[in-house]
Amino acid sequence: MKRLEEAVLKAVDEYNKYRSPEARARLIEIREDGLTIDFEGIFCQTCGVYDYLEDFIYELQRLVDVGIEILNFKEYEPGKIRVVYCLKKD
């Protein structure tokens, strides 16, 4: 779990490095079965919002071999989306 947590934090940093200020990620919670990340930025006004949410998966998988998918997401304020990712069990 420690390795996954370190990889998630690094993935958040890398995501923000390349996508800010259009999109910015912030870790909310990490669990054994998944994680929750808040995204905010002007990307929320585009038709490609889902691509930004999937991009986090690619950043994480570049750092650690993990199966992960978007379980659900919701805009909870204008320009802010909370995403729940589910870790896939092999």
C-alpha atoms as a PDB file:
ATOM      1  CA  MET A   1       0.000   0.000   0.000  1.00  0.00           C
ATOM      2  CA  LYS A   2       2.881   2.369   0.793  1.00  0.00           C
ATOM      3  CA  ARG A   3       4.273   1.993  -2.743  1.00  0.00           C
ATOM      4  CA  LEU A   4       0.860   2.746  -4.230  1.00  0.00           C
ATOM      5  CA  GLU A   5       0.461   5.830  -2.039  1.00  0.00           C
ATOM      6  CA  GLU A   6       3.874   7.138  -3.102  1.00  0.00           C
ATOM      7  CA  ALA A   7       3.028   6.485  -6.753  1.00  0.00           C
ATOM      8  CA  VAL A   8      -0.328   8.280  -6.442  1.00  0.00           C
ATOM      9  CA  LEU A   9       1.317  11.349  -4.906  1.00  0.00           C
ATOM     10  CA  LYS A  10       3.975  11.368  -7.636  1.00  0.00           C
ATOM     11  CA  ALA A  11       1.280  10.935 -10.313  1.00  0.00           C
ATOM     12  CA  VAL A  12      -0.611  13.934  -8.886  1.00  0.00           C
ATOM     13  CA  ASP A  13       2.581  16.010  -9.072  1.00  0.00           C
ATOM     14  CA  GLU A  14       3.288  14.911 -12.649  1.00  0.00           C
ATOM     15  CA  TYR A  15      -0.319  15.479 -13.693  1.00  0.00           C
ATOM     16  CA  ASN A  16      -0.249  19.012 -12.325  1.00  0.00           C
ATOM     17  CA  LYS A  17       3.150  19.719 -13.843  1.00  0.00           C
ATOM     18  CA  TYR A  18       1.880  19.125 -17.370  1.00  0.00           C
ATOM     19  CA  ARG A  19      -1.786  20.108 -17.155  1.00  0.00           C
ATOM     20  CA  SER A  20      -1.883  23.116 -14.863  1.00  0.00           C
ATOM     21  CA  PRO A  21      -3.419  25.692 -15.023  1.00  0.00           C
ATOM     22  CA  GLU A  22      -6.114  24.117 -17.266  1.00  0.00           C
ATOM     23  CA  ALA A  23      -6.524  21.226 -14.826  1.00  0.00           C
ATOM     24  CA  ARG A  24      -5.169  20.602 -11.354  1.00  0.00           C
ATOM     25  CA  ALA A  25      -5.487  17.403  -9.284  1.00  0.00           C
ATOM     26  CA  ARG A  26      -5.578  17.031  -5.505  1.00  0.00           C
ATOM     27  CA  LEU A  27      -5.646  13.725  -3.627  1.00  0.00           C
ATOM     28  CA  ILE A  28      -8.614  13.476  -1.278  1.00  0.00           C
ATOM     29  CA  GLU A  29      -8.468   9.865  -0.119  1.00  0.00           C
ATOM     30  CA  ILE A  30      -6.641   6.630  -0.811  1.00  0.00           C
ATOM     31  CA  ARG A  31      -8.073   3.257   0.174  1.00  0.00           C
ATOM     32  CA  GLU A  32      -7.185  -0.366  -0.465  1.00  0.00           C
ATOM     33  CA  ASP A  33      -9.880  -0.588  -3.139  1.00  0.00           C
ATOM     34  CA  GLY A  34      -9.544   2.838  -4.737  1.00  0.00           C
ATOM     35  CA  LEU A  35      -8.857   6.527  -4.446  1.00  0.00           C
ATOM     36  CA  THR A  36     -10.624   9.853  -4.688  1.00  0.00           C
ATOM     37  CA  ILE A  37      -9.155  12.862  -6.443  1.00  0.00           C
ATOM     38  CA  ASP A  38     -10.528  16.353  -6.937  1.00  0.00           C
ATOM     39  CA  PHE A  39      -9.853  18.110 -10.221  1.00  0.00           C
ATOM     40  CA  GLU A  40     -10.391  21.776 -10.878  1.00  0.00           C
ATOM     41  CA  GLY A  41      -9.745  24.196 -13.669  1.00  0.00           C
ATOM     42  CA  ILE A  42     -11.076  25.579 -16.887  1.00  0.00           C
ATOM     43  CA  PHE A  43     -11.053  22.111 -18.481  1.00  0.00           C
ATOM     44  CA  CYS A  44     -14.435  21.592 -16.793  1.00  0.00           C
ATOM     45  CA  GLN A  45     -15.953  23.795 -19.488  1.00  0.00           C
ATOM     46  CA  THR A  46     -14.745  21.668 -22.390  1.00  0.00           C
ATOM     47  CA  CYS A  47     -16.243  18.679 -24.145  1.00  0.00           C
ATOM     48  CA  GLY A  48     -13.111  16.613 -23.404  1.00  0.00           C
ATOM     49  CA  VAL A  49     -13.509  16.525 -19.617  1.00  0.00           C
ATOM     50  CA  TYR A  50     -13.398  12.715 -19.438  1.00  0.00           C
ATOM     51  CA  ASP A  51     -10.016  12.710 -21.183  1.00  0.00           C
ATOM     52  CA  TYR A  52      -8.548  14.826 -18.384  1.00  0.00           C
ATOM     53  CA  LEU A  53      -9.899  12.361 -15.814  1.00  0.00           C
ATOM     54  CA  GLU A  54      -8.466   9.389 -17.714  1.00  0.00           C
ATOM     55  CA  ASP A  55      -5.091  11.130 -18.062  1.00  0.00           C
ATOM     56  CA  PHE A  56      -4.556  10.630 -14.336  1.00  0.00           C
ATOM     57  CA  ILE A  57      -4.835   6.864 -14.858  1.00  0.00           C
ATOM     58  CA  TYR A  58      -2.038   6.990 -17.435  1.00  0.00           C
ATOM     59  CA  GLU A  59       0.194   9.039 -15.134  1.00  0.00           C
ATOM     60  CA  LEU A  60      -0.303   6.531 -12.316  1.00  0.00           C
ATOM     61  CA  GLN A  61       0.205   3.469 -14.522  1.00  0.00           C
ATOM     62  CA  ARG A  62       3.447   4.950 -15.779  1.00  0.00           C
ATOM     63  CA  LEU A  63       4.735   4.771 -12.192  1.00  0.00           C
ATOM     64  CA  VAL A  64       3.199   1.552 -10.867  1.00  0.00           C
ATOM     65  CA  ASP A  65       1.619  -1.557 -12.388  1.00  0.00           C
ATOM     66  CA  VAL A  66      -1.970  -1.201 -11.240  1.00  0.00           C
ATOM     67  CA  GLY A  67      -5.378  -1.804 -12.759  1.00  0.00           C
ATOM     68  CA  ILE A  68      -7.552   1.241 -12.199  1.00  0.00           C
ATOM     69  CA  GLU A  69     -10.700   2.701 -13.703  1.00  0.00           C
ATOM     70  CA  ILE A  70     -13.096   5.565 -13.141  1.00  0.00           C
ATOM     71  CA  LEU A  71     -15.940   4.407 -10.916  1.00  0.00           C
ATOM     72  CA  ASN A  72     -17.841   7.718 -10.923  1.00  0.00           C
ATOM     73  CA  PHE A  73     -17.396  11.462 -11.035  1.00  0.00           C
ATOM     74  CA  LYS A  74     -19.450  14.511 -10.173  1.00  0.00           C
ATOM     75  CA  GLU A  75     -19.069  18.244 -10.541  1.00  0.00           C
ATOM     76  CA  TYR A  76     -19.608  19.440  -6.970  1.00  0.00           C
ATOM     77  CA  GLU A  77     -18.942  23.129  -7.667  1.00  0.00           C
ATOM     78  CA  PRO A  78     -18.463  25.054 -10.897  1.00  0.00           C
ATOM     79  CA  GLY A  79     -15.041  24.081 -12.216  1.00  0.00           C
ATOM     80  CA  LYS A  80     -14.484  21.322  -9.629  1.00  0.00           C
ATOM     81  CA  ILE A  81     -14.962  17.603 -10.201  1.00  0.00           C
ATOM     82  CA  ARG A  82     -14.566  14.802  -7.666  1.00  0.00           C
ATOM     83  CA  VAL A  83     -13.529  11.479  -9.191  1.00  0.00           C
ATOM     84  CA  VAL A  84     -13.643   8.083  -7.525  1.00  0.00           C
ATOM     85  CA  TYR A  85     -11.246   5.586  -9.086  1.00  0.00           C
ATOM     86  CA  CYS A  86     -11.582   1.860  -8.438  1.00  0.00           C
ATOM     87  CA  LEU A  87      -8.565  -0.431  -8.199  1.00  0.00           C
ATOM     88  CA  LYS A  88      -9.153  -3.597 -10.199  1.00  0.00           C
ATOM     89  CA  LYS A  89      -8.409  -6.892  -8.512  1.00  0.00           C
ATOM     90  CA  ASP A  90      -6.529  -9.345 -10.716  1.00  0.00           C
END
